[in-house]
Amino acid sequence: MTKDEPQDLPPVAGDPILLHVLAAAQRFAAWYAEYLSVGAAPAGYSGPAAEQRVDEVVRHLQHAVFDLMAAVHAMNRHCSGQAAASEAPKRRSLAVARTAVH
């Protein structure tokens, strides 16, 4: 399993947008933990190999951050759309009520 794959957990049912956000958050947390541990690497792990590993981890961490931001943005659009859809009937009924009164 890599840090880009969600951990083996029991299946979860629910809003696919929210599940996408949770998976992106999990990937971010895994790569951030890896980033923190790279600085604490054993003394024998140095030189170009260590620099290459740090660069690789930073690249994955950046992608994880952007994926998480995109997932949260999609969730905000999704939730805003649901809120707007639930408010639309109320607005229509208020408009009809105002028209009926006048």
C-alpha atoms as a PDB file:
ATOM      1  CA  MET A   1       0.000   0.000   0.000  1.00  0.00           C
ATOM      2  CA  THR A   2       1.257   3.476  -0.821  1.00  0.00           C
ATOM      3  CA  LYS A   3       0.396   6.759   0.777  1.00  0.00           C
ATOM      4  CA  ASP A   4      -1.743   7.626  -2.252  1.00  0.00           C
ATOM      5  CA  GLU A   5      -4.090   4.716  -1.547  1.00  0.00           C
ATOM      6  CA  PRO A   6      -6.616   4.825   1.271  1.00  0.00           C
ATOM      7  CA  GLN A   7      -5.930   2.397   4.087  1.00  0.00           C
ATOM      8  CA  ASP A   8      -7.858  -0.858   4.167  1.00  0.00           C
ATOM      9  CA  LEU A   9     -10.942   0.056   6.124  1.00  0.00           C
ATOM     10  CA  PRO A  10     -14.453  -1.333   6.122  1.00  0.00           C
ATOM     11  CA  PRO A  11     -16.592   0.099   3.322  1.00  0.00           C
ATOM     12  CA  VAL A  12     -18.328   3.331   4.177  1.00  0.00           C
ATOM     13  CA  ALA A  13     -21.577   4.411   2.609  1.00  0.00           C
ATOM     14  CA  GLY A  14     -22.462   8.028   2.269  1.00  0.00           C
ATOM     15  CA  ASP A  15     -22.070  11.123   0.199  1.00  0.00           C
ATOM     16  CA  PRO A  16     -19.382  10.407  -2.427  1.00  0.00           C
ATOM     17  CA  ILE A  17     -18.198  14.033  -2.306  1.00  0.00           C
ATOM     18  CA  LEU A  18     -17.603  13.831   1.437  1.00  0.00           C
ATOM     19  CA  LEU A  19     -15.891  10.456   1.057  1.00  0.00           C
ATOM     20  CA  HIS A  20     -13.588  12.006  -1.556  1.00  0.00           C
ATOM     21  CA  VAL A  21     -12.675  14.777   0.902  1.00  0.00           C
ATOM     22  CA  LEU A  22     -11.971  12.233   3.629  1.00  0.00           C
ATOM     23  CA  ALA A  23      -9.755  10.160   1.311  1.00  0.00           C
ATOM     24  CA  ALA A  24      -7.856  13.293   0.243  1.00  0.00           C
ATOM     25  CA  ALA A  25      -7.402  14.284   3.889  1.00  0.00           C
ATOM     26  CA  GLN A  26      -6.083  10.817   4.672  1.00  0.00           C
ATOM     27  CA  ARG A  27      -3.556  11.026   1.807  1.00  0.00           C
ATOM     28  CA  PHE A  28      -2.461  14.474   2.991  1.00  0.00           C
ATOM     29  CA  ALA A  29      -2.007  13.258   6.569  1.00  0.00           C
ATOM     30  CA  ALA A  30       0.031  10.254   5.414  1.00  0.00           C
ATOM     31  CA  TRP A  31       2.350  12.345   3.242  1.00  0.00           C
ATOM     32  CA  TYR A  32       2.692  15.019   5.933  1.00  0.00           C
ATOM     33  CA  ALA A  33       3.707  12.353   8.445  1.00  0.00           C
ATOM     34  CA  GLU A  34       6.220  11.032   5.900  1.00  0.00           C
ATOM     35  CA  TYR A  35       7.528  14.568   5.390  1.00  0.00           C
ATOM     36  CA  LEU A  36       8.046  14.977   9.130  1.00  0.00           C
ATOM     37  CA  SER A  37       9.808  11.618   9.380  1.00  0.00           C
ATOM     38  CA  VAL A  38      12.213  12.358   6.504  1.00  0.00           C
ATOM     39  CA  GLY A  39      13.982  14.908   8.701  1.00  0.00           C
ATOM     40  CA  ALA A  40      14.404  12.257  11.380  1.00  0.00           C
ATOM     41  CA  ALA A  41      16.012   9.724   9.010  1.00  0.00           C
ATOM     42  CA  PRO A  42      18.872   7.556  10.302  1.00  0.00           C
ATOM     43  CA  ALA A  43      22.371   9.036  10.083  1.00  0.00           C
ATOM     44  CA  GLY A  44      23.341   6.604   7.290  1.00  0.00           C
ATOM     45  CA  TYR A  45      20.609   8.033   5.093  1.00  0.00           C
ATOM     46  CA  SER A  46      22.292  11.120   3.657  1.00  0.00           C
ATOM     47  CA  GLY A  47      23.702  12.563   0.484  1.00  0.00           C
ATOM     48  CA  PRO A  48      21.988  12.594  -2.913  1.00  0.00           C
ATOM     49  CA  ALA A  49      19.715   9.661  -2.036  1.00  0.00           C
ATOM     50  CA  ALA A  50      18.367  11.535   0.982  1.00  0.00           C
ATOM     51  CA  GLU A  51      17.874  14.727  -1.028  1.00  0.00           C
ATOM     52  CA  GLN A  52      16.093  12.772  -3.746  1.00  0.00           C
ATOM     53  CA  ARG A  53      13.809  11.171  -1.145  1.00  0.00           C
ATOM     54  CA  VAL A  54      13.000  14.560   0.396  1.00  0.00           C
ATOM     55  CA  ASP A  55      12.205  15.969  -3.055  1.00  0.00           C
ATOM     56  CA  GLU A  56       9.947  12.990  -3.777  1.00  0.00           C
ATOM     57  CA  VAL A  57       8.096  13.355  -0.480  1.00  0.00           C
ATOM     58  CA  VAL A  58       7.700  17.120  -0.963  1.00  0.00           C
ATOM     59  CA  ARG A  59       6.323  16.566  -4.472  1.00  0.00           C
ATOM     60  CA  HIS A  60       3.780  14.040  -3.174  1.00  0.00           C
ATOM     61  CA  LEU A  61       2.884  16.327  -0.266  1.00  0.00           C
ATOM     62  CA  GLN A  62       2.248  19.228  -2.650  1.00  0.00           C
ATOM     63  CA  HIS A  63      -0.018  17.050  -4.787  1.00  0.00           C
ATOM     64  CA  ALA A  64      -1.849  15.869  -1.666  1.00  0.00           C
ATOM     65  CA  VAL A  65      -2.411  19.491  -0.592  1.00  0.00           C
ATOM     66  CA  PHE A  66      -3.788  20.446  -4.007  1.00  0.00           C
ATOM     67  CA  ASP A  67      -5.993  17.331  -4.109  1.00  0.00           C
ATOM     68  CA  LEU A  68      -7.374  18.154  -0.666  1.00  0.00           C
ATOM     69  CA  MET A  69      -8.037  21.773  -1.658  1.00  0.00           C
ATOM     70  CA  ALA A  70      -9.838  20.630  -4.820  1.00  0.00           C
ATOM     71  CA  ALA A  71     -11.897  18.095  -2.868  1.00  0.00           C
ATOM     72  CA  VAL A  72     -12.931  20.695  -0.285  1.00  0.00           C
ATOM     73  CA  HIS A  73     -13.817  23.134  -3.080  1.00  0.00           C
ATOM     74  CA  ALA A  74     -15.983  20.457  -4.732  1.00  0.00           C
ATOM     75  CA  MET A  75     -17.631  19.750  -1.377  1.00  0.00           C
ATOM     76  CA  ASN A  76     -18.371  23.459  -0.880  1.00  0.00           C
ATOM     77  CA  ARG A  77     -19.954  23.680  -4.338  1.00  0.00           C
ATOM     78  CA  HIS A  78     -21.913  20.486  -3.662  1.00  0.00           C
ATOM     79  CA  CYS A  79     -23.175  21.682  -0.272  1.00  0.00           C
ATOM     80  CA  SER A  80     -23.959  25.166  -1.606  1.00  0.00           C
ATOM     81  CA  GLY A  81     -25.947  23.580  -4.424  1.00  0.00           C
ATOM     82  CA  GLN A  82     -27.907  21.461  -1.967  1.00  0.00           C
ATOM     83  CA  ALA A  83     -28.594  24.472   0.237  1.00  0.00           C
ATOM     84  CA  ALA A  84     -29.717  26.529  -2.748  1.00  0.00           C
ATOM     85  CA  ALA A  85     -31.957  23.692  -3.943  1.00  0.00           C
ATOM     86  CA  SER A  86     -33.581  23.348  -0.525  1.00  0.00           C
ATOM     87  CA  GLU A  87     -34.123  27.127  -0.323  1.00  0.00           C
ATOM     88  CA  ALA A  88     -35.629  27.417  -3.821  1.00  0.00           C
ATOM     89  CA  PRO A  89     -39.047  25.926  -2.913  1.00  0.00           C
ATOM     90  CA  LYS A  90     -39.252  28.248   0.098  1.00  0.00           C
ATOM     91  CA  ARG A  91     -38.499  31.262  -2.074  1.00  0.00           C
ATOM     92  CA  ARG A  92     -41.096  30.192  -4.643  1.00  0.00           C
ATOM     93  CA  SER A  93     -43.750  29.683  -1.979  1.00  0.00           C
ATOM     94  CA  LEU A  94     -42.975  33.114  -0.499  1.00  0.00           C
ATOM     95  CA  ALA A  95     -43.213  34.697  -3.941  1.00  0.00           C
ATOM     96  CA  VAL A  96     -46.551  32.967  -4.565  1.00  0.00           C
ATOM     97  CA  ALA A  97     -47.824  34.074  -1.154  1.00  0.00           C
ATOM     98  CA  ARG A  98     -46.799  37.682  -1.818  1.00  0.00           C
ATOM     99  CA  THR A  99     -48.477  37.606  -5.225  1.00  0.00           C
ATOM    100  CA  ALA A 100     -51.676  36.162  -3.755  1.00  0.00           C
ATOM    101  CA  VAL A 101     -51.816  38.858  -1.077  1.00  0.00           C
ATOM    102  CA  HIS A 102     -51.396  41.752  -3.502  1.00  0.00           C
END
